[in-house]
N, C-alpha and C. Protein backbone atom coordinates (compact mmCIF):
# COMPACT_ATOMS: atom_id res chain seq x y z
N VAL A 1 22.33 6.05 7.09
CA VAL A 1 21.60 5.75 6.64
C VAL A 1 21.49 6.57 5.02
N HIS A 2 21.82 5.34 4.15
CA HIS A 2 21.63 6.00 2.88
C HIS A 2 20.33 6.70 2.26
N GLY A 3 20.66 7.98 1.26
CA GLY A 3 19.65 8.90 1.21
C GLY A 3 18.84 9.56 2.26
N THR A 4 19.30 9.63 3.26
CA THR A 4 18.63 10.44 4.37
C THR A 4 19.13 11.77 4.31
N SER A 5 18.45 12.77 4.59
CA SER A 5 18.69 13.93 4.60
C SER A 5 18.38 14.62 6.06
N HIS A 6 19.68 15.62 6.43
CA HIS A 6 19.44 15.80 7.70
C HIS A 6 18.18 17.07 7.85
N GLU A 7 17.70 17.41 6.57
CA GLU A 7 16.61 18.32 6.61
C GLU A 7 15.26 17.81 7.30
N THR A 8 15.20 16.68 7.12
CA THR A 8 13.90 16.39 7.58
C THR A 8 14.06 15.83 9.16
N CYS A 9 15.08 15.94 9.91
CA CYS A 9 15.24 15.94 11.40
C CYS A 9 14.98 17.32 11.91
N PRO A 10 13.90 17.26 13.11
CA PRO A 10 13.66 18.48 13.87
C PRO A 10 14.96 19.18 14.84
N SER A 11 14.59 20.54 14.59
CA SER A 11 15.71 20.85 15.68
C SER A 11 14.73 21.40 16.88
N ASP A 12 15.47 22.09 18.01
CA ASP A 12 14.86 22.28 19.25
C ASP A 12 13.44 21.36 19.68
N VAL A 13 14.10 19.91 19.71
CA VAL A 13 13.36 19.33 20.32
C VAL A 13 14.42 18.03 21.11
N PRO A 14 14.24 17.65 22.12
CA PRO A 14 14.99 16.96 23.19
C PRO A 14 15.55 15.90 22.01
N CYS A 15 16.95 15.56 22.21
CA CYS A 15 17.91 14.40 21.42
C CYS A 15 16.71 13.23 21.38
N SER A 16 16.37 12.80 22.64
CA SER A 16 15.90 11.37 22.79
C SER A 16 14.47 11.21 22.02
N ARG A 17 14.02 12.53 21.75
CA ARG A 17 13.05 12.37 20.89
C ARG A 17 13.09 12.28 19.14
N LEU A 18 14.35 12.34 18.62
CA LEU A 18 14.34 12.46 17.49
C LEU A 18 14.06 11.18 16.77
N ASN A 19 13.66 10.89 15.56
CA ASN A 19 13.48 9.95 14.52
C ASN A 19 14.92 9.03 14.37
N ALA A 20 14.47 7.73 14.26
CA ALA A 20 15.30 6.68 13.87
C ALA A 20 16.34 7.05 12.83
N GLU A 21 16.09 7.84 11.89
CA GLU A 21 16.78 8.41 10.84
C GLU A 21 17.82 9.24 11.16
N CYS A 22 17.46 10.14 12.23
CA CYS A 22 18.33 11.23 13.01
C CYS A 22 19.01 10.76 13.64
N LEU A 23 19.57 9.51 13.79
CA LEU A 23 20.20 8.63 14.97
C LEU A 23 21.01 7.77 14.68
N THR A 24 22.41 7.80 15.55
CA THR A 24 23.00 6.85 15.06
C THR A 24 23.15 5.75 16.64
N CYS A 25 22.92 4.76 16.30
CA CYS A 25 22.59 3.72 17.42
C CYS A 25 23.40 2.52 17.28
N ASP A 26 23.65 1.86 18.56
CA ASP A 26 24.74 0.88 18.70
C ASP A 26 23.73 -0.63 18.35
N PHE A 27 23.55 -1.17 17.26
CA PHE A 27 22.90 -2.12 17.22
C PHE A 27 23.44 -3.33 17.36
N ASN A 28 22.85 -4.57 18.03
CA ASN A 28 23.60 -5.72 18.37
C ASN A 28 22.90 -6.74 17.38
N TYR A 29 23.94 -6.69 16.18
CA TYR A 29 23.42 -7.68 14.84
C TYR A 29 23.47 -9.25 15.07
N THR A 30 23.58 -9.39 16.40
CA THR A 30 23.58 -11.04 16.67
C THR A 30 22.48 -11.12 17.75
N CYS A 31 21.36 -10.16 17.77
CA CYS A 31 20.37 -10.11 18.48
C CYS A 31 19.22 -11.42 18.37
N VAL A 32 18.72 -12.15 18.94
CA VAL A 32 17.49 -13.02 19.02
C VAL A 32 16.68 -12.23 18.05
N TYR A 33 16.13 -12.89 16.96
CA TYR A 33 14.77 -12.44 15.86
C TYR A 33 13.90 -12.24 16.90
N GLY A 34 13.28 -11.22 17.01
CA GLY A 34 11.86 -10.34 17.57
C GLY A 34 11.70 -10.44 18.98
N GLU A 35 12.87 -10.40 19.53
CA GLU A 35 13.46 -9.74 21.18
C GLU A 35 13.30 -8.70 21.09
N GLU A 36 12.68 -8.09 22.21
CA GLU A 36 12.88 -6.53 22.52
C GLU A 36 14.14 -6.27 23.24
N LEU A 37 14.38 -5.40 22.89
CA LEU A 37 16.03 -4.81 23.70
C LEU A 37 16.12 -3.51 23.46
N THR A 38 17.11 -2.94 24.41
CA THR A 38 17.68 -1.77 24.55
C THR A 38 18.81 -1.24 23.66
N VAL A 39 18.81 -0.15 23.22
CA VAL A 39 19.81 0.05 22.33
C VAL A 39 20.46 1.65 22.96
N MET A 40 21.74 1.57 22.43
CA MET A 40 22.05 2.81 23.00
C MET A 40 22.20 3.98 21.99
N CYS A 41 21.83 5.31 21.82
CA CYS A 41 21.66 6.13 20.26
C CYS A 41 21.99 7.51 20.70
N HIS A 42 22.84 8.17 19.74
CA HIS A 42 23.30 9.50 19.90
C HIS A 42 22.40 10.16 18.32
N PRO A 43 22.60 11.71 18.45
CA PRO A 43 22.32 12.03 17.56
C PRO A 43 23.52 12.40 16.04
N LYS A 44 22.90 12.06 15.12
CA LYS A 44 24.01 12.21 14.43
C LYS A 44 24.18 13.42 13.97
N GLN A 45 26.02 13.51 13.45
CA GLN A 45 26.67 14.92 13.18
C GLN A 45 25.70 15.81 12.51
N ALA A 46 26.05 17.19 12.80
CA ALA A 46 25.20 18.09 12.35
C ALA A 46 23.68 18.24 12.89
N ILE A 47 23.26 17.53 13.73
CA ILE A 47 21.87 17.51 13.95
C ILE A 47 21.48 18.36 15.28
N ASN A 48 20.84 19.46 15.42
CA ASN A 48 20.73 20.45 16.43
C ASN A 48 19.57 20.11 17.36
N CYS A 49 19.86 19.39 18.37
CA CYS A 49 18.59 19.13 19.22
C CYS A 49 18.90 19.64 20.74
N ILE A 50 17.89 19.61 21.46
CA ILE A 50 18.18 19.87 22.60
C ILE A 50 18.70 19.09 23.99
N ASP A 51 19.45 19.48 24.66
CA ASP A 51 20.17 18.36 25.61
C ASP A 51 21.08 17.51 24.99
N ARG A 52 21.90 18.06 24.33
CA ARG A 52 22.90 17.02 23.35
C ARG A 52 24.00 16.61 24.63
N SER A 53 23.32 15.85 25.23
CA SER A 53 24.30 15.41 26.49
C SER A 53 25.21 14.26 26.34
N GLY A 54 25.22 13.60 25.38
CA GLY A 54 25.40 12.27 25.01
C GLY A 54 24.42 11.09 24.46
N SER A 55 24.82 10.05 24.54
CA SER A 55 23.83 8.60 24.60
C SER A 55 22.58 8.90 25.35
N PHE A 56 21.53 8.09 24.69
CA PHE A 56 20.18 7.98 25.83
C PHE A 56 20.10 6.40 25.40
N GLU A 57 19.25 5.79 25.69
CA GLU A 57 18.61 4.49 25.39
C GLU A 57 17.10 4.66 25.03
N ARG A 58 17.38 3.65 23.78
CA ARG A 58 15.74 3.00 23.20
C ARG A 58 15.91 1.70 22.90
N LYS A 59 14.19 1.75 23.07
CA LYS A 59 13.87 0.48 22.77
C LYS A 59 13.44 -0.06 21.27
N MET A 60 13.84 -1.18 20.93
CA MET A 60 13.39 -1.60 19.68
C MET A 60 13.24 -3.35 19.74
N VAL A 61 12.51 -3.82 18.62
CA VAL A 61 12.63 -5.14 18.38
C VAL A 61 13.53 -5.71 17.62
N CYS A 62 14.32 -6.78 17.62
CA CYS A 62 15.29 -7.39 17.13
C CYS A 62 14.67 -7.78 15.48
N ARG A 63 15.16 -7.30 14.43
CA ARG A 63 14.88 -7.39 13.19
C ARG A 63 15.35 -6.51 12.45
N TYR A 64 15.52 -6.98 10.72
CA TYR A 64 15.92 -6.35 10.12
C TYR A 64 14.65 -5.35 9.68
N CYS A 65 15.24 -3.92 8.70
CA CYS A 65 13.70 -3.16 8.38
C CYS A 65 13.01 -3.85 7.54
N TYR A 66 13.50 -4.64 6.66
CA TYR A 66 12.34 -5.56 5.42
C TYR A 66 11.85 -6.67 6.07
N GLN A 67 11.86 -6.89 7.44
CA GLN A 67 11.16 -7.90 8.14
C GLN A 67 10.16 -7.35 9.35
N THR A 68 9.78 -5.68 9.15
CA THR A 68 9.01 -4.91 9.97
C THR A 68 7.64 -5.24 9.37
N ALA A 69 6.67 -5.20 10.42
CA ALA A 69 4.93 -5.38 10.01
C ALA A 69 4.83 -4.24 8.90
N THR A 70 3.88 -4.66 8.17
CA THR A 70 3.09 -3.76 7.15
C THR A 70 2.65 -2.69 7.40
N SER A 71 2.45 -2.32 8.72
CA SER A 71 1.80 -1.05 9.68
C SER A 71 3.05 -0.24 9.81
N GLU A 72 4.46 -0.84 9.67
CA GLU A 72 5.53 -0.10 9.93
C GLU A 72 6.39 0.47 9.01
N HIS A 73 5.98 0.28 7.56
CA HIS A 73 6.71 0.83 6.50
C HIS A 73 5.58 1.06 5.59
N THR A 74 5.94 2.22 4.32
CA THR A 74 5.07 2.24 3.32
C THR A 74 5.85 2.15 1.89
N CYS A 75 4.97 1.80 0.99
CA CYS A 75 5.41 1.01 0.00
C CYS A 75 5.07 1.97 -1.15
N ASP A 76 5.83 2.16 -2.12
CA ASP A 76 4.88 2.78 -3.54
C ASP A 76 4.17 1.54 -4.00
N HIS A 77 3.01 2.25 -5.13
CA HIS A 77 2.05 1.33 -5.78
C HIS A 77 2.34 1.36 -6.78
N ASN A 78 2.03 0.29 -7.55
CA ASN A 78 1.99 0.17 -9.29
C ASN A 78 0.66 -0.13 -9.64
N SER A 79 0.13 1.28 -10.48
CA SER A 79 -1.14 1.08 -11.00
C SER A 79 -1.48 0.72 -12.87
N THR A 80 -0.44 0.15 -12.77
CA THR A 80 -0.17 -0.49 -14.29
C THR A 80 -0.18 -1.68 -14.59
N CYS A 81 0.12 -2.42 -13.46
CA CYS A 81 -0.03 -4.24 -13.76
C CYS A 81 -1.03 -4.66 -13.94
N GLN A 82 -1.19 -5.89 -14.43
CA GLN A 82 -2.78 -6.44 -14.52
C GLN A 82 -3.27 -6.86 -13.38
N VAL A 83 -4.20 -6.58 -12.70
CA VAL A 83 -4.51 -7.51 -11.17
C VAL A 83 -5.44 -8.64 -11.63
N ASN A 84 -6.14 -8.41 -12.72
CA ASN A 84 -6.91 -9.77 -13.20
C ASN A 84 -6.75 -10.69 -13.92
N SER A 85 -5.20 -10.96 -13.91
CA SER A 85 -4.45 -11.95 -14.76
C SER A 85 -4.34 -13.06 -13.80
N ALA A 86 -4.27 -14.33 -14.37
CA ALA A 86 -3.85 -15.75 -13.63
C ALA A 86 -2.69 -16.16 -14.10
N PRO A 87 -1.85 -16.64 -13.00
CA PRO A 87 -1.63 -16.20 -11.63
C PRO A 87 -1.53 -14.47 -11.45
N ARG A 88 -1.96 -14.23 -10.35
CA ARG A 88 -1.78 -12.86 -10.03
C ARG A 88 -0.28 -12.48 -10.30
N GLN A 89 -0.38 -11.14 -10.66
CA GLN A 89 0.97 -10.64 -11.29
C GLN A 89 1.48 -9.84 -10.03
N ARG A 90 2.65 -9.82 -9.99
CA ARG A 90 3.65 -9.22 -9.10
C ARG A 90 4.60 -8.03 -9.42
N TYR A 91 4.77 -7.30 -8.57
CA TYR A 91 5.60 -6.23 -8.86
C TYR A 91 6.83 -5.54 -7.90
N ILE A 92 7.86 -5.21 -8.25
CA ILE A 92 8.87 -4.85 -6.86
C ILE A 92 8.68 -3.41 -6.77
N ALA A 93 8.19 -3.47 -5.61
CA ALA A 93 8.08 -2.01 -4.90
C ALA A 93 8.79 -1.59 -3.94
N THR A 94 9.61 -0.31 -4.17
CA THR A 94 10.35 0.23 -2.87
C THR A 94 9.76 0.77 -1.74
N CYS A 95 10.10 -0.01 -0.34
CA CYS A 95 9.35 0.64 0.69
C CYS A 95 10.37 1.37 1.49
N ASN A 96 9.85 2.19 2.48
CA ASN A 96 10.72 2.82 3.36
C ASN A 96 10.15 2.55 4.74
N VAL A 97 10.78 2.41 5.71
CA VAL A 97 10.66 2.24 7.23
C VAL A 97 10.04 3.61 7.62
N ARG A 98 8.83 3.24 8.50
CA ARG A 98 8.28 4.80 9.38
C ARG A 98 9.42 5.28 10.07
N PRO A 99 9.37 6.79 10.36
CA PRO A 99 10.85 7.04 10.74
C PRO A 99 11.06 6.85 12.17
N ASP A 100 9.59 6.66 13.08
CA ASP A 100 9.71 6.39 14.32
C ASP A 100 10.47 4.92 14.60
N VAL A 101 10.48 3.86 13.80
CA VAL A 101 10.39 2.74 13.96
C VAL A 101 12.30 2.45 13.65
N LEU A 102 12.82 1.73 14.86
CA LEU A 102 14.38 1.32 14.75
C LEU A 102 14.29 -0.19 14.03
N CYS A 103 15.16 -0.10 13.48
CA CYS A 103 15.90 -1.52 12.93
C CYS A 103 16.65 -1.80 12.19
N LEU A 104 16.90 -2.90 12.03
CA LEU A 104 18.62 -3.60 11.60
C LEU A 104 18.69 -3.09 10.13
N GLY A 105 19.92 -2.92 9.69
CA GLY A 105 19.92 -2.40 8.14
C GLY A 105 19.28 -1.35 7.50
N ARG A 106 19.10 -1.45 5.95
CA ARG A 106 18.70 -0.21 5.35
C ARG A 106 17.38 0.18 5.80
N ARG A 107 17.20 1.40 5.89
CA ARG A 107 15.94 1.54 5.75
C ARG A 107 14.80 1.61 4.74
N GLN A 108 15.50 1.67 3.49
CA GLN A 108 14.62 1.32 2.21
C GLN A 108 15.17 0.18 1.70
N PHE A 109 14.02 -0.53 1.29
CA PHE A 109 14.15 -2.00 0.83
C PHE A 109 13.56 -1.99 -0.44
N HIS A 110 13.53 -3.35 -1.14
CA HIS A 110 12.47 -3.94 -2.22
C HIS A 110 11.99 -4.93 -1.57
N LYS A 111 10.79 -4.58 -2.18
CA LYS A 111 9.54 -5.80 -1.61
C LYS A 111 8.55 -6.55 -2.77
N ASN A 112 8.34 -7.88 -3.16
CA ASN A 112 7.88 -8.02 -3.95
C ASN A 112 6.14 -8.51 -4.13
N LEU A 113 5.45 -7.34 -4.57
CA LEU A 113 4.09 -7.27 -3.97
C LEU A 113 2.93 -7.69 -5.16
N LEU A 114 1.95 -8.30 -4.65
CA LEU A 114 0.77 -8.71 -5.40
C LEU A 114 0.08 -7.56 -6.22
N CYS A 115 0.02 -7.62 -7.32
CA CYS A 115 -0.73 -6.42 -7.93
C CYS A 115 -1.79 -6.05 -7.58
N ASN A 116 -2.03 -4.75 -6.86
CA ASN A 116 -3.65 -4.79 -6.06
C ASN A 116 -3.92 -3.41 -5.99
N TRP A 117 -4.47 -3.06 -7.38
CA TRP A 117 -5.18 -1.46 -7.11
C TRP A 117 -6.34 -1.34 -7.49
N THR A 118 -6.87 -0.38 -7.27
CA THR A 118 -8.22 0.22 -7.75
C THR A 118 -8.49 1.47 -7.82
N LYS A 119 -9.52 2.11 -8.82
CA LYS A 119 -9.72 3.30 -9.19
C LYS A 119 -11.28 3.77 -8.48
N GLY A 120 -11.36 2.95 -7.78
CA GLY A 120 -12.98 3.38 -6.84
C GLY A 120 -14.29 2.71 -7.26
N TYR A 121 -14.31 2.00 -8.50
CA TYR A 121 -15.65 1.33 -8.65
C TYR A 121 -16.09 0.17 -7.19
N SER A 122 -17.37 0.34 -7.51
CA SER A 122 -17.92 -0.55 -6.21
C SER A 122 -18.61 -1.60 -6.91
N TRP A 123 -18.47 -2.67 -6.07
CA TRP A 123 -18.88 -4.06 -6.54
C TRP A 123 -20.74 -4.14 -6.30
N TRP A 124 -20.82 -3.37 -5.28
CA TRP A 124 -22.09 -3.56 -4.61
C TRP A 124 -23.18 -2.37 -5.98
N THR A 125 -22.29 -1.21 -6.44
CA THR A 125 -22.76 -0.20 -7.20
C THR A 125 -23.20 -1.02 -8.40
N ALA A 126 -22.27 -1.96 -8.81
CA ALA A 126 -22.34 -2.42 -10.05
C ALA A 126 -23.33 -3.78 -10.10
N LEU A 127 -23.63 -4.06 -9.27
CA LEU A 127 -24.64 -5.51 -9.18
C LEU A 127 -25.92 -4.63 -9.28
N VAL A 128 -26.22 -3.61 -8.01
CA VAL A 128 -27.04 -2.83 -8.26
C VAL A 128 -28.10 -2.17 -9.74
N LEU A 129 -26.63 -1.19 -10.31
CA LEU A 129 -26.69 -1.06 -11.39
C LEU A 129 -27.61 -2.23 -12.34
N SER A 130 -26.82 -3.16 -12.18
CA SER A 130 -26.99 -4.27 -13.49
C SER A 130 -28.43 -4.99 -13.23
N ILE A 131 -29.11 -4.71 -11.76
CA ILE A 131 -30.30 -5.61 -11.59
C ILE A 131 -31.40 -4.55 -11.97
N VAL A 132 -31.14 -3.14 -11.44
CA VAL A 132 -32.41 -2.33 -11.71
C VAL A 132 -32.04 -1.70 -13.02
N LEU A 133 -30.87 -1.35 -13.85
CA LEU A 133 -31.07 -0.74 -14.80
C LEU A 133 -30.03 -1.19 -16.16
N GLY A 134 -30.11 -2.77 -15.60
CA GLY A 134 -29.13 -3.20 -16.85
C GLY A 134 -29.62 -3.20 -18.24
N GLY A 135 -30.98 -3.61 -18.24
CA GLY A 135 -31.79 -3.26 -19.45
C GLY A 135 -30.89 -2.21 -20.16
N PHE A 136 -30.41 -1.01 -19.57
CA PHE A 136 -30.20 0.19 -20.39
C PHE A 136 -28.69 0.39 -20.51
N GLY A 137 -28.13 -0.69 -20.10
CA GLY A 137 -26.66 -0.69 -19.82
C GLY A 137 -25.93 0.05 -18.84
N ALA A 138 -26.52 0.21 -17.70
CA ALA A 138 -26.06 1.23 -17.10
C ALA A 138 -25.14 0.65 -16.27
N ASP A 139 -24.74 -0.66 -15.85
CA ASP A 139 -23.97 -1.64 -15.12
C ASP A 139 -22.53 -1.41 -16.37
N ARG A 140 -22.62 -1.20 -17.52
CA ARG A 140 -21.84 -1.50 -18.81
C ARG A 140 -20.83 -0.26 -18.57
N PHE A 141 -21.96 0.76 -18.81
CA PHE A 141 -21.08 2.27 -18.67
C PHE A 141 -20.35 2.52 -17.12
N TYR A 142 -21.04 2.02 -16.21
CA TYR A 142 -20.53 2.28 -14.82
C TYR A 142 -18.90 1.77 -15.02
N LEU A 143 -18.90 0.48 -15.41
CA LEU A 143 -17.38 -0.23 -15.15
C LEU A 143 -16.60 0.27 -16.14
N GLY A 144 -17.00 1.19 -17.27
CA GLY A 144 -16.02 1.77 -18.30
C GLY A 144 -16.31 0.74 -19.21
N MET A 145 -17.32 0.04 -20.16
CA MET A 145 -17.60 -0.87 -21.03
C MET A 145 -18.34 0.05 -22.00
N TRP A 146 -18.01 1.25 -22.38
CA TRP A 146 -19.39 2.08 -22.82
C TRP A 146 -19.50 1.23 -24.29
N GLN A 147 -18.75 0.69 -25.27
CA GLN A 147 -19.29 -0.30 -26.27
C GLN A 147 -20.38 -0.91 -25.98
N GLU A 148 -20.11 -1.81 -25.10
CA GLU A 148 -21.13 -2.79 -24.48
C GLU A 148 -22.21 -2.11 -24.09
N GLY A 149 -21.98 -0.89 -22.99
CA GLY A 149 -22.92 -0.15 -23.13
C GLY A 149 -24.02 0.28 -24.01
N ILE A 150 -23.50 0.40 -25.14
CA ILE A 150 -24.67 1.23 -25.81
C ILE A 150 -25.23 0.18 -26.56
N GLY A 151 -24.30 -1.20 -26.66
CA GLY A 151 -24.89 -2.31 -27.44
C GLY A 151 -26.34 -2.69 -26.73
N LYS A 152 -26.13 -2.86 -25.06
CA LYS A 152 -27.16 -3.15 -24.39
C LYS A 152 -28.21 -2.32 -24.43
N LEU A 153 -28.19 -0.53 -24.59
CA LEU A 153 -28.73 0.07 -24.42
C LEU A 153 -30.06 0.09 -25.93
N PHE A 154 -29.37 -0.06 -26.98
CA PHE A 154 -29.96 -0.22 -28.16
C PHE A 154 -30.62 -1.71 -28.50
N SER A 155 -30.56 -2.42 -27.38
CA SER A 155 -31.31 -3.52 -27.85
C SER A 155 -31.91 -4.08 -26.28
N PHE A 156 -32.04 -3.19 -25.39
CA PHE A 156 -32.88 -3.26 -24.31
C PHE A 156 -32.49 -4.44 -23.59
N GLY A 157 -31.26 -4.45 -23.70
CA GLY A 157 -30.71 -5.40 -22.33
C GLY A 157 -30.66 -7.02 -23.32
N GLY A 158 -30.54 -6.87 -24.63
CA GLY A 158 -30.95 -8.30 -24.96
C GLY A 158 -32.12 -9.02 -25.18
N LEU A 159 -33.00 -7.91 -25.03
CA LEU A 159 -34.60 -8.33 -24.65
C LEU A 159 -34.32 -9.14 -23.58
N GLY A 160 -33.54 -8.46 -22.29
CA GLY A 160 -33.57 -9.41 -20.94
C GLY A 160 -32.33 -10.47 -20.86
N VAL A 161 -32.13 -11.01 -21.91
CA VAL A 161 -31.22 -12.33 -21.50
C VAL A 161 -29.78 -11.55 -21.04
N TRP A 162 -29.19 -10.58 -21.94
CA TRP A 162 -27.90 -10.19 -21.86
C TRP A 162 -28.09 -9.23 -20.02
N THR A 163 -28.95 -8.91 -19.99
CA THR A 163 -29.38 -8.25 -18.57
C THR A 163 -29.16 -9.52 -17.34
N LEU A 164 -29.81 -10.27 -17.78
CA LEU A 164 -29.97 -11.57 -16.43
C LEU A 164 -27.96 -12.13 -16.64
N VAL A 165 -27.59 -12.24 -17.92
CA VAL A 165 -26.45 -13.05 -17.90
C VAL A 165 -25.19 -11.84 -17.22
N ASP A 166 -25.40 -10.63 -17.45
CA ASP A 166 -24.52 -9.48 -16.70
C ASP A 166 -24.59 -9.56 -14.88
N VAL A 167 -25.98 -9.73 -14.49
CA VAL A 167 -26.00 -9.93 -13.32
C VAL A 167 -25.66 -10.91 -12.33
N VAL A 168 -25.48 -12.09 -13.26
CA VAL A 168 -24.83 -13.29 -12.87
C VAL A 168 -23.28 -13.25 -12.74
N LEU A 169 -22.65 -12.27 -13.99
CA LEU A 169 -21.41 -11.99 -14.10
C LEU A 169 -21.08 -11.17 -13.25
N VAL A 170 -21.65 -10.39 -12.72
CA VAL A 170 -21.33 -9.23 -11.93
C VAL A 170 -21.22 -9.84 -10.23
N ALA A 171 -22.50 -10.44 -10.18
CA ALA A 171 -22.57 -11.14 -8.92
C ALA A 171 -21.39 -12.15 -8.74
N ALA A 172 -20.93 -12.88 -9.53
CA ALA A 172 -20.00 -13.69 -9.37
C ALA A 172 -18.51 -13.16 -9.44
N GLY A 173 -18.63 -11.69 -9.76
CA GLY A 173 -17.18 -11.02 -9.34
C GLY A 173 -16.23 -11.49 -10.81
N TYR A 174 -16.97 -12.16 -11.80
CA TYR A 174 -16.24 -11.88 -13.45
C TYR A 174 -16.37 -11.08 -14.24
N LEU A 175 -17.10 -10.06 -14.09
CA LEU A 175 -17.16 -8.72 -14.66
C LEU A 175 -16.89 -7.90 -13.78
N GLY A 176 -15.51 -7.10 -14.25
CA GLY A 176 -15.16 -6.17 -13.06
C GLY A 176 -14.96 -5.01 -14.04
N PRO A 177 -14.12 -3.92 -13.44
CA PRO A 177 -13.88 -2.33 -14.35
C PRO A 177 -12.67 -2.86 -15.35
N ALA A 178 -13.20 -2.03 -16.57
CA ALA A 178 -12.55 -2.08 -17.65
C ALA A 178 -11.22 -1.96 -17.91
N ASP A 179 -10.43 -1.14 -16.78
CA ASP A 179 -9.39 -0.59 -16.65
C ASP A 179 -8.60 -1.52 -15.88
N GLY A 180 -9.08 -2.75 -15.50
CA GLY A 180 -8.09 -3.94 -14.92
C GLY A 180 -8.31 -3.84 -13.50
N SER A 181 -8.87 -2.61 -13.00
CA SER A 181 -8.62 -2.46 -11.66
C SER A 181 -9.32 -3.50 -10.80
N LEU A 182 -9.16 -3.66 -9.55
CA LEU A 182 -10.06 -4.59 -8.20
C LEU A 182 -11.24 -3.45 -8.25
N TYR A 183 -12.20 -4.29 -7.70
CA TYR A 183 -13.54 -3.35 -7.05
C TYR A 183 -12.85 -2.96 -5.83
N ILE A 184 -13.28 -1.89 -5.25
CA ILE A 184 -13.19 -0.99 -3.65
C ILE A 184 -13.65 -2.41 -2.73
N SER A 185 -13.02 -2.52 -1.27
CA SER A 185 -13.64 -3.23 -0.18
C SER A 185 -14.60 -2.59 0.48
C-alpha cells in the first residue's frame, strides 16, 4: 500500500485483529463484484503482533477501494468552491478507505464530489430573523451582508417593503449566506 506507515499498526494485538493497511492479503482480482469472499492474510514485514503463526482468513466484499460505500471512506473537503453556482461546481477530493475495510487496489483514491460546504448558518434562524426583526436588518446581519443590513436598519426595512421581499427570498432559499456556503440541515 502506497504511503502507509507501519507506525499506525498496533503492536501487542492478535495478528488476526490488525487493520487492513497492516496486512498483506491474497486477493482474487477476478472475483464477482459485490460477492462476499474469504481471503488469506498475514501481517506485513516488521509488524509486531501476537501469535505470528502465519496466515489467517478475513472476509471481504469483492470491489475496488474507489467503489466502497461513502460510510467506508473519508474524503477531504473543499470550502473554497462556490456552492451556489449553476450548475453546481465539483472538486477533486482525496479519499482514504477506513482502516478496517478490505478492498482491491489502492486505499487512497480521488473522487469527483459536488461542492457542498457550510459555515453553520441555519435557514430557520434566517427566516425567523427576517419575519421578526427584518425591519432592523437582523436577517441580513446574520447572513453576513452587513452593508444591506445597515441599509435596512436606517430605512426601517424599506418601510416594510424590503422586509416582505426578504421574507420571501429567505423562505424560497434564494437568499443565503454571503460567504457562498449552504445552510446547515
